[in-house]
Amino acid sequence: MKIPFPISSTLQIISIIICGNILSGCSLIPSILPNPYIYQLNKYTPKQYIGCINISHIDSVEQTADNSMRIFKGGALAFGLNEAADHITDITITPTAGKNFTIGFRSTPHDYLHNKGLEFTFDDKAILIKEHGKIIDKKQFSGLQEKKQERFIIINDAAEYSLQIGCDIVYRGKTKLQGTEYCFLYPSGETELHAQAITMTNIRVTKPSLTLQKSAEKIANSPAAE
């Protein structure tokens, strides 16, 4: 004699199916389940919230603190400040293995593999400045050391941009590329990185009297956030 399927179990299954359809139809499931590729930085600091997107494979990055990320071999991150195409990005980077990596900007996460925008690529002896993947300039620089942290400040202001390492502005340039809300960071080869004290500042909400030079000096002279 066959044992009939319990009515209570049948009702539970039907309820789950109906509930799942309702939730998925209202797009509530994606909001309940976190996206493993998206991180929130500085979420406990007023007016300093930064969106962070893993644009590589899922296990290539790790959040180590409220404003710190570790990027493993083959990883890549995009940092974004809402509605801030003109911004100052301030990151303290420690190469934990190797010392070759790239800081990019003036592109978007969904288009970055095909449209690299502007990039500063660091190798053992120089900084390569690239636009759309092509080298447009080169600066001799051998100050990076493995396991030693260094502070990088990128200023994007309309057609102008600059790179500051520590207290020294090592490059200034102009471009016709449109500004975006994002900054990118990824290691090359066997390099792995620890990015800390990550901040992004919207230039358009700073004081008009605060020039780019003074902005850079103010940031460089301020203590890095832990």
C-alpha atoms as a PDB file:
ATOM      1  CA  MET A   1       0.000   0.000   0.000  1.00  0.00           C
ATOM      2  CA  LYS A   2       1.402   3.368  -1.018  1.00  0.00           C
ATOM      3  CA  ILE A   3       1.734   6.006   1.676  1.00  0.00           C
ATOM      4  CA  PRO A   4       0.193   9.266   0.436  1.00  0.00           C
ATOM      5  CA  PHE A   5       2.406  12.346   0.442  1.00  0.00           C
ATOM      6  CA  PRO A   6       1.570  14.338   3.614  1.00  0.00           C
ATOM      7  CA  ILE A   7      -0.714  17.284   2.945  1.00  0.00           C
ATOM      8  CA  SER A   8       1.300  19.490   5.293  1.00  0.00           C
ATOM      9  CA  SER A   9       4.514  18.846   3.316  1.00  0.00           C
ATOM     10  CA  THR A  10       2.735  19.545   0.039  1.00  0.00           C
ATOM     11  CA  LEU A  11       1.424  22.854   1.360  1.00  0.00           C
ATOM     12  CA  GLN A  12       4.909  23.815   2.574  1.00  0.00           C
ATOM     13  CA  ILE A  13       6.429  23.158  -0.856  1.00  0.00           C
ATOM     14  CA  ILE A  14       3.680  25.136  -2.610  1.00  0.00           C
ATOM     15  CA  SER A  15       4.153  28.008  -0.173  1.00  0.00           C
ATOM     16  CA  ILE A  16       7.911  28.073  -0.801  1.00  0.00           C
ATOM     17  CA  ILE A  17       7.420  28.080  -4.582  1.00  0.00           C
ATOM     18  CA  ILE A  18       4.851  30.887  -4.454  1.00  0.00           C
ATOM     19  CA  CYS A  19       6.965  32.908  -2.031  1.00  0.00           C
ATOM     20  CA  GLY A  20      10.060  32.473  -4.196  1.00  0.00           C
ATOM     21  CA  ASN A  21       8.224  33.625  -7.303  1.00  0.00           C
ATOM     22  CA  ILE A  22       6.844  36.667  -5.538  1.00  0.00           C
ATOM     23  CA  LEU A  23      10.263  37.649  -4.144  1.00  0.00           C
ATOM     24  CA  SER A  24      12.087  37.135  -7.411  1.00  0.00           C
ATOM     25  CA  GLY A  25       9.397  39.047  -9.294  1.00  0.00           C
ATOM     26  CA  CYS A  26       9.758  41.987  -6.938  1.00  0.00           C
ATOM     27  CA  SER A  27      13.568  41.809  -7.119  1.00  0.00           C
ATOM     28  CA  LEU A  28      13.810  41.325  -3.358  1.00  0.00           C
ATOM     29  CA  ILE A  29      16.048  38.274  -3.451  1.00  0.00           C
ATOM     30  CA  PRO A  30      19.043  40.154  -4.950  1.00  0.00           C
ATOM     31  CA  SER A  31      18.703  42.809  -2.234  1.00  0.00           C
ATOM     32  CA  ILE A  32      18.555  40.205   0.529  1.00  0.00           C
ATOM     33  CA  LEU A  33      21.457  38.132  -0.746  1.00  0.00           C
ATOM     34  CA  PRO A  34      24.709  40.178  -0.890  1.00  0.00           C
ATOM     35  CA  ASN A  35      26.631  40.387  -4.145  1.00  0.00           C
ATOM     36  CA  PRO A  36      30.011  38.697  -3.460  1.00  0.00           C
ATOM     37  CA  TYR A  37      31.728  40.980  -5.977  1.00  0.00           C
ATOM     38  CA  ILE A  38      30.721  44.243  -4.271  1.00  0.00           C
ATOM     39  CA  TYR A  39      32.243  45.721  -1.114  1.00  0.00           C
ATOM     40  CA  GLN A  40      31.441  48.786   0.972  1.00  0.00           C
ATOM     41  CA  LEU A  41      34.396  50.873   2.119  1.00  0.00           C
ATOM     42  CA  ASN A  42      34.364  53.605   4.761  1.00  0.00           C
ATOM     43  CA  LYS A  43      30.755  52.742   5.551  1.00  0.00           C
ATOM     44  CA  TYR A  44      31.248  53.906   9.146  1.00  0.00           C
ATOM     45  CA  THR A  45      32.756  57.255   8.126  1.00  0.00           C
ATOM     46  CA  PRO A  46      30.260  60.035   7.282  1.00  0.00           C
ATOM     47  CA  LYS A  47      30.481  61.341   3.710  1.00  0.00           C
ATOM     48  CA  GLN A  48      33.378  58.985   2.881  1.00  0.00           C
ATOM     49  CA  TYR A  49      31.447  55.961   1.570  1.00  0.00           C
ATOM     50  CA  ILE A  50      33.212  54.272  -1.352  1.00  0.00           C
ATOM     51  CA  GLY A  51      31.823  51.514  -3.526  1.00  0.00           C
ATOM     52  CA  CYS A  52      34.320  48.770  -4.390  1.00  0.00           C
ATOM     53  CA  ILE A  53      33.844  46.211  -7.164  1.00  0.00           C
ATOM     54  CA  ASN A  54      35.845  43.055  -7.751  1.00  0.00           C
ATOM     55  CA  ILE A  55      36.293  42.972 -11.548  1.00  0.00           C
ATOM     56  CA  SER A  56      38.286  39.727 -11.504  1.00  0.00           C
ATOM     57  CA  HIS A  57      37.560  36.198 -10.231  1.00  0.00           C
ATOM     58  CA  ILE A  58      35.686  35.843  -6.975  1.00  0.00           C
ATOM     59  CA  ASP A  59      38.510  34.640  -4.699  1.00  0.00           C
ATOM     60  CA  SER A  60      41.127  37.161  -5.891  1.00  0.00           C
ATOM     61  CA  VAL A  61      40.382  39.900  -3.332  1.00  0.00           C
ATOM     62  CA  GLU A  62      39.666  40.150   0.371  1.00  0.00           C
ATOM     63  CA  GLN A  63      38.406  42.994   2.534  1.00  0.00           C
ATOM     64  CA  THR A  64      40.721  43.330   5.545  1.00  0.00           C
ATOM     65  CA  ALA A  65      39.216  46.403   7.248  1.00  0.00           C
ATOM     66  CA  ASP A  66      36.603  49.117   6.751  1.00  0.00           C
ATOM     67  CA  ASN A  67      38.803  50.833   4.145  1.00  0.00           C
ATOM     68  CA  SER A  68      41.384  48.189   3.288  1.00  0.00           C
ATOM     69  CA  MET A  69      41.503  45.529   0.558  1.00  0.00           C
ATOM     70  CA  ARG A  70      43.969  42.779  -0.234  1.00  0.00           C
ATOM     71  CA  ILE A  71      44.425  41.922  -3.925  1.00  0.00           C
ATOM     72  CA  PHE A  72      45.918  38.558  -4.759  1.00  0.00           C
ATOM     73  CA  LYS A  73      47.640  37.438  -7.958  1.00  0.00           C
ATOM     74  CA  GLY A  74      45.344  38.021 -10.941  1.00  0.00           C
ATOM     75  CA  GLY A  75      42.945  40.230  -8.978  1.00  0.00           C
ATOM     76  CA  ALA A  76      41.591  43.649  -9.941  1.00  0.00           C
ATOM     77  CA  LEU A  77      39.483  46.225  -8.103  1.00  0.00           C
ATOM     78  CA  ALA A  78      37.444  49.286  -9.060  1.00  0.00           C
ATOM     79  CA  PHE A  79      36.800  51.992  -6.470  1.00  0.00           C
ATOM     80  CA  GLY A  80      33.971  54.455  -7.058  1.00  0.00           C
ATOM     81  CA  LEU A  81      32.686  57.675  -5.496  1.00  0.00           C
ATOM     82  CA  ASN A  82      29.122  58.485  -6.504  1.00  0.00           C
ATOM     83  CA  GLU A  83      28.732  61.490  -8.835  1.00  0.00           C
ATOM     84  CA  ALA A  84      32.396  62.473  -8.571  1.00  0.00           C
ATOM     85  CA  ALA A  85      33.949  62.411 -12.038  1.00  0.00           C
ATOM     86  CA  ASP A  86      36.493  64.957 -10.772  1.00  0.00           C
ATOM     87  CA  HIS A  87      38.059  63.506  -7.671  1.00  0.00           C
ATOM     88  CA  ILE A  88      41.167  62.936  -5.559  1.00  0.00           C
ATOM     89  CA  THR A  89      41.982  59.303  -4.829  1.00  0.00           C
ATOM     90  CA  ASP A  90      44.297  58.599  -1.907  1.00  0.00           C
ATOM     91  CA  ILE A  91      45.543  55.023  -1.365  1.00  0.00           C
ATOM     92  CA  THR A  92      48.376  53.601   0.724  1.00  0.00           C
ATOM     93  CA  ILE A  93      49.693  50.519  -1.085  1.00  0.00           C
ATOM     94  CA  THR A  94      51.981  47.793   0.214  1.00  0.00           C
ATOM     95  CA  PRO A  95      53.261  45.277  -2.374  1.00  0.00           C
ATOM     96  CA  THR A  96      53.244  42.105  -0.264  1.00  0.00           C
ATOM     97  CA  ALA A  97      54.802  40.064  -3.077  1.00  0.00           C
ATOM     98  CA  GLY A  98      56.514  41.575  -6.111  1.00  0.00           C
ATOM     99  CA  LYS A  99      56.102  45.269  -6.906  1.00  0.00           C
ATOM    100  CA  ASN A 100      54.524  45.545 -10.349  1.00  0.00           C
ATOM    101  CA  PHE A 101      51.007  46.965 -10.535  1.00  0.00           C
ATOM    102  CA  THR A 102      48.746  49.471 -12.261  1.00  0.00           C
ATOM    103  CA  ILE A 103      46.550  52.330 -11.076  1.00  0.00           C
ATOM    104  CA  GLY A 104      43.935  53.251 -13.685  1.00  0.00           C
ATOM    105  CA  PHE A 105      41.209  55.858 -14.073  1.00  0.00           C
ATOM    106  CA  ARG A 106      38.866  57.477 -16.633  1.00  0.00           C
ATOM    107  CA  SER A 107      37.116  54.215 -17.450  1.00  0.00           C
ATOM    108  CA  THR A 108      34.231  52.160 -16.032  1.00  0.00           C
ATOM    109  CA  PRO A 109      34.136  48.673 -14.471  1.00  0.00           C
ATOM    110  CA  HIS A 110      31.946  47.131 -17.188  1.00  0.00           C
ATOM    111  CA  ASP A 111      34.182  48.497 -19.972  1.00  0.00           C
ATOM    112  CA  TYR A 112      37.624  48.385 -18.380  1.00  0.00           C
ATOM    113  CA  LEU A 113      38.953  45.318 -20.203  1.00  0.00           C
ATOM    114  CA  HIS A 114      38.320  46.984 -23.570  1.00  0.00           C
ATOM    115  CA  ASN A 115      38.703  50.651 -22.630  1.00  0.00           C
ATOM    116  CA  LYS A 116      41.621  51.077 -20.235  1.00  0.00           C
ATOM    117  CA  GLY A 117      41.358  54.859 -20.079  1.00  0.00           C
ATOM    118  CA  LEU A 118      44.435  56.338 -18.370  1.00  0.00           C
ATOM    119  CA  GLU A 119      46.886  54.189 -16.428  1.00  0.00           C
ATOM    120  CA  PHE A 120      50.027  54.473 -14.335  1.00  0.00           C
ATOM    121  CA  THR A 121      51.882  51.156 -14.587  1.00  0.00           C
ATOM    122  CA  PHE A 122      54.731  50.586 -12.127  1.00  0.00           C
ATOM    123  CA  ASP A 123      57.604  48.218 -12.841  1.00  0.00           C
ATOM    124  CA  ASP A 124      61.046  47.830 -11.261  1.00  0.00           C
ATOM    125  CA  LYS A 125      62.589  50.928 -12.843  1.00  0.00           C
ATOM    126  CA  ALA A 126      59.912  53.213 -14.266  1.00  0.00           C
ATOM    127  CA  ILE A 127      56.336  54.440 -14.362  1.00  0.00           C
ATOM    128  CA  LEU A 128      54.623  53.934 -17.700  1.00  0.00           C
ATOM    129  CA  ILE A 129      51.828  56.377 -18.488  1.00  0.00           C
ATOM    130  CA  LYS A 130      49.286  54.785 -20.816  1.00  0.00           C
ATOM    131  CA  GLU A 131      46.214  55.961 -22.653  1.00  0.00           C
ATOM    132  CA  HIS A 132      43.920  53.289 -24.089  1.00  0.00           C
ATOM    133  CA  GLY A 133      46.676  50.739 -23.463  1.00  0.00           C
ATOM    134  CA  LYS A 134      49.348  52.642 -25.422  1.00  0.00           C
ATOM    135  CA  ILE A 135      52.398  54.168 -23.720  1.00  0.00           C
ATOM    136  CA  ILE A 136      52.306  57.965 -24.035  1.00  0.00           C
ATOM    137  CA  ASP A 137      55.072  58.786 -21.563  1.00  0.00           C
ATOM    138  CA  LYS A 138      57.609  57.215 -19.225  1.00  0.00           C
ATOM    139  CA  LYS A 139      59.174  58.382 -15.968  1.00  0.00           C
ATOM    140  CA  GLN A 140      62.180  56.843 -14.293  1.00  0.00           C
ATOM    141  CA  PHE A 141      61.210  55.709 -10.818  1.00  0.00           C
ATOM    142  CA  SER A 142      62.704  52.982  -8.646  1.00  0.00           C
ATOM    143  CA  GLY A 143      61.385  53.942  -5.231  1.00  0.00           C
ATOM    144  CA  LEU A 144      58.947  51.048  -4.785  1.00  0.00           C
ATOM    145  CA  GLN A 145      60.034  48.233  -2.523  1.00  0.00           C
ATOM    146  CA  GLU A 146      58.422  44.924  -1.712  1.00  0.00           C
ATOM    147  CA  LYS A 147      56.692  44.882   1.694  1.00  0.00           C
ATOM    148  CA  LYS A 148      57.131  48.656   2.087  1.00  0.00           C
ATOM    149  CA  GLN A 149      54.022  50.840   2.045  1.00  0.00           C
ATOM    150  CA  GLU A 150      53.801  53.958  -0.111  1.00  0.00           C
ATOM    151  CA  ARG A 151      51.123  56.594  -0.423  1.00  0.00           C
ATOM    152  CA  PHE A 152      49.646  57.318  -3.875  1.00  0.00           C
ATOM    153  CA  ILE A 153      47.465  60.336  -4.620  1.00  0.00           C
ATOM    154  CA  ILE A 154      45.735  60.655  -7.997  1.00  0.00           C
ATOM    155  CA  ILE A 155      44.084  63.962  -8.886  1.00  0.00           C
ATOM    156  CA  ASN A 156      41.505  64.062 -11.688  1.00  0.00           C
ATOM    157  CA  ASP A 157      40.286  67.566 -12.472  1.00  0.00           C
ATOM    158  CA  ALA A 158      38.583  68.086 -15.850  1.00  0.00           C
ATOM    159  CA  ALA A 159      41.303  67.692 -18.519  1.00  0.00           C
ATOM    160  CA  GLU A 160      44.152  67.660 -15.986  1.00  0.00           C
ATOM    161  CA  TYR A 161      45.481  64.790 -13.907  1.00  0.00           C
ATOM    162  CA  SER A 162      48.484  64.153 -11.695  1.00  0.00           C
ATOM    163  CA  LEU A 163      50.218  61.445  -9.684  1.00  0.00           C
ATOM    164  CA  GLN A 164      51.755  62.096  -6.298  1.00  0.00           C
ATOM    165  CA  ILE A 165      53.848  59.506  -4.444  1.00  0.00           C
ATOM    166  CA  GLY A 166      54.481  60.422  -0.841  1.00  0.00           C
ATOM    167  CA  CYS A 167      55.136  64.168  -0.817  1.00  0.00           C
ATOM    168  CA  ASP A 168      56.384  64.355  -4.412  1.00  0.00           C
ATOM    169  CA  ILE A 169      54.268  65.040  -7.491  1.00  0.00           C
ATOM    170  CA  VAL A 170      55.943  62.765 -10.022  1.00  0.00           C
ATOM    171  CA  TYR A 171      53.709  63.370 -13.038  1.00  0.00           C
ATOM    172  CA  ARG A 172      51.263  65.898 -14.459  1.00  0.00           C
ATOM    173  CA  GLY A 173      49.326  65.454 -17.662  1.00  0.00           C
ATOM    174  CA  LYS A 174      46.339  66.494 -19.754  1.00  0.00           C
ATOM    175  CA  THR A 175      43.853  64.328 -21.594  1.00  0.00           C
ATOM    176  CA  LYS A 176      40.730  64.521 -23.720  1.00  0.00           C
ATOM    177  CA  LEU A 177      39.316  61.408 -22.086  1.00  0.00           C
ATOM    178  CA  GLN A 178      36.137  61.959 -20.121  1.00  0.00           C
ATOM    179  CA  GLY A 179      36.383  61.689 -16.362  1.00  0.00           C
ATOM    180  CA  THR A 180      34.541  58.916 -14.503  1.00  0.00           C
ATOM    181  CA  GLU A 181      33.726  58.122 -10.892  1.00  0.00           C
ATOM    182  CA  TYR A 182      36.193  55.235 -10.737  1.00  0.00           C
ATOM    183  CA  CYS A 183      39.786  54.377  -9.928  1.00  0.00           C
ATOM    184  CA  PHE A 184      41.252  50.921 -10.674  1.00  0.00           C
ATOM    185  CA  LEU A 185      44.003  48.919  -9.003  1.00  0.00           C
ATOM    186  CA  TYR A 186      45.464  45.609 -10.087  1.00  0.00           C
ATOM    187  CA  PRO A 187      48.777  43.748  -9.673  1.00  0.00           C
ATOM    188  CA  SER A 188      50.809  42.247 -12.521  1.00  0.00           C
ATOM    189  CA  GLY A 189      52.610  38.919 -12.717  1.00  0.00           C
ATOM    190  CA  GLU A 190      53.260  37.445  -9.274  1.00  0.00           C
ATOM    191  CA  THR A 191      52.587  40.699  -7.412  1.00  0.00           C
ATOM    192  CA  GLU A 192      50.061  40.898  -4.595  1.00  0.00           C
ATOM    193  CA  LEU A 193      48.915  44.143  -2.974  1.00  0.00           C
ATOM    194  CA  HIS A 194      47.461  45.410   0.269  1.00  0.00           C
ATOM    195  CA  ALA A 195      45.576  48.681  -0.272  1.00  0.00           C
ATOM    196  CA  GLN A 196      44.843  50.647   2.899  1.00  0.00           C
ATOM    197  CA  ALA A 197      43.545  54.034   4.035  1.00  0.00           C
ATOM    198  CA  ILE A 198      41.473  54.273   0.838  1.00  0.00           C
ATOM    199  CA  THR A 199      39.719  57.618   0.408  1.00  0.00           C
ATOM    200  CA  MET A 200      38.149  59.457  -2.515  1.00  0.00           C
ATOM    201  CA  THR A 201      37.244  63.159  -2.398  1.00  0.00           C
ATOM    202  CA  ASN A 202      34.912  64.982  -4.764  1.00  0.00           C
ATOM    203  CA  ILE A 203      36.849  68.038  -5.983  1.00  0.00           C
ATOM    204  CA  ARG A 204      33.661  69.902  -6.836  1.00  0.00           C
ATOM    205  CA  VAL A 205      32.596  70.069  -3.192  1.00  0.00           C
ATOM    206  CA  THR A 206      35.940  71.304  -1.850  1.00  0.00           C
ATOM    207  CA  LYS A 207      36.567  74.950  -1.099  1.00  0.00           C
ATOM    208  CA  PRO A 208      37.147  77.074  -4.237  1.00  0.00           C
ATOM    209  CA  SER A 209      40.281  78.531  -2.639  1.00  0.00           C
ATOM    210  CA  LEU A 210      41.789  75.062  -2.299  1.00  0.00           C
ATOM    211  CA  THR A 211      43.871  74.686  -5.455  1.00  0.00           C
ATOM    212  CA  LEU A 212      45.017  71.307  -6.764  1.00  0.00           C
ATOM    213  CA  GLN A 213      48.536  71.943  -5.526  1.00  0.00           C
ATOM    214  CA  LYS A 214      47.287  72.875  -2.064  1.00  0.00           C
ATOM    215  CA  SER A 215      44.906  69.908  -2.083  1.00  0.00           C
ATOM    216  CA  ALA A 216      47.765  67.530  -2.775  1.00  0.00           C
ATOM    217  CA  GLU A 217      49.963  69.133  -0.130  1.00  0.00           C
ATOM    218  CA  LYS A 218      47.164  69.003   2.436  1.00  0.00           C
ATOM    219  CA  ILE A 219      46.529  65.319   1.782  1.00  0.00           C
ATOM    220  CA  ALA A 220      50.229  64.437   1.787  1.00  0.00           C
ATOM    221  CA  ASN A 221      50.805  66.195   5.090  1.00  0.00           C
ATOM    222  CA  SER A 222      47.805  64.620   6.792  1.00  0.00           C
ATOM    223  CA  PRO A 223      48.235  61.313   8.646  1.00  0.00           C
ATOM    224  CA  ALA A 224      47.020  58.296   6.696  1.00  0.00           C
ATOM    225  CA  ALA A 225      43.911  56.711   8.114  1.00  0.00           C
ATOM    226  CA  GLU A 226      44.432  53.413   9.789  1.00  0.00           C
END
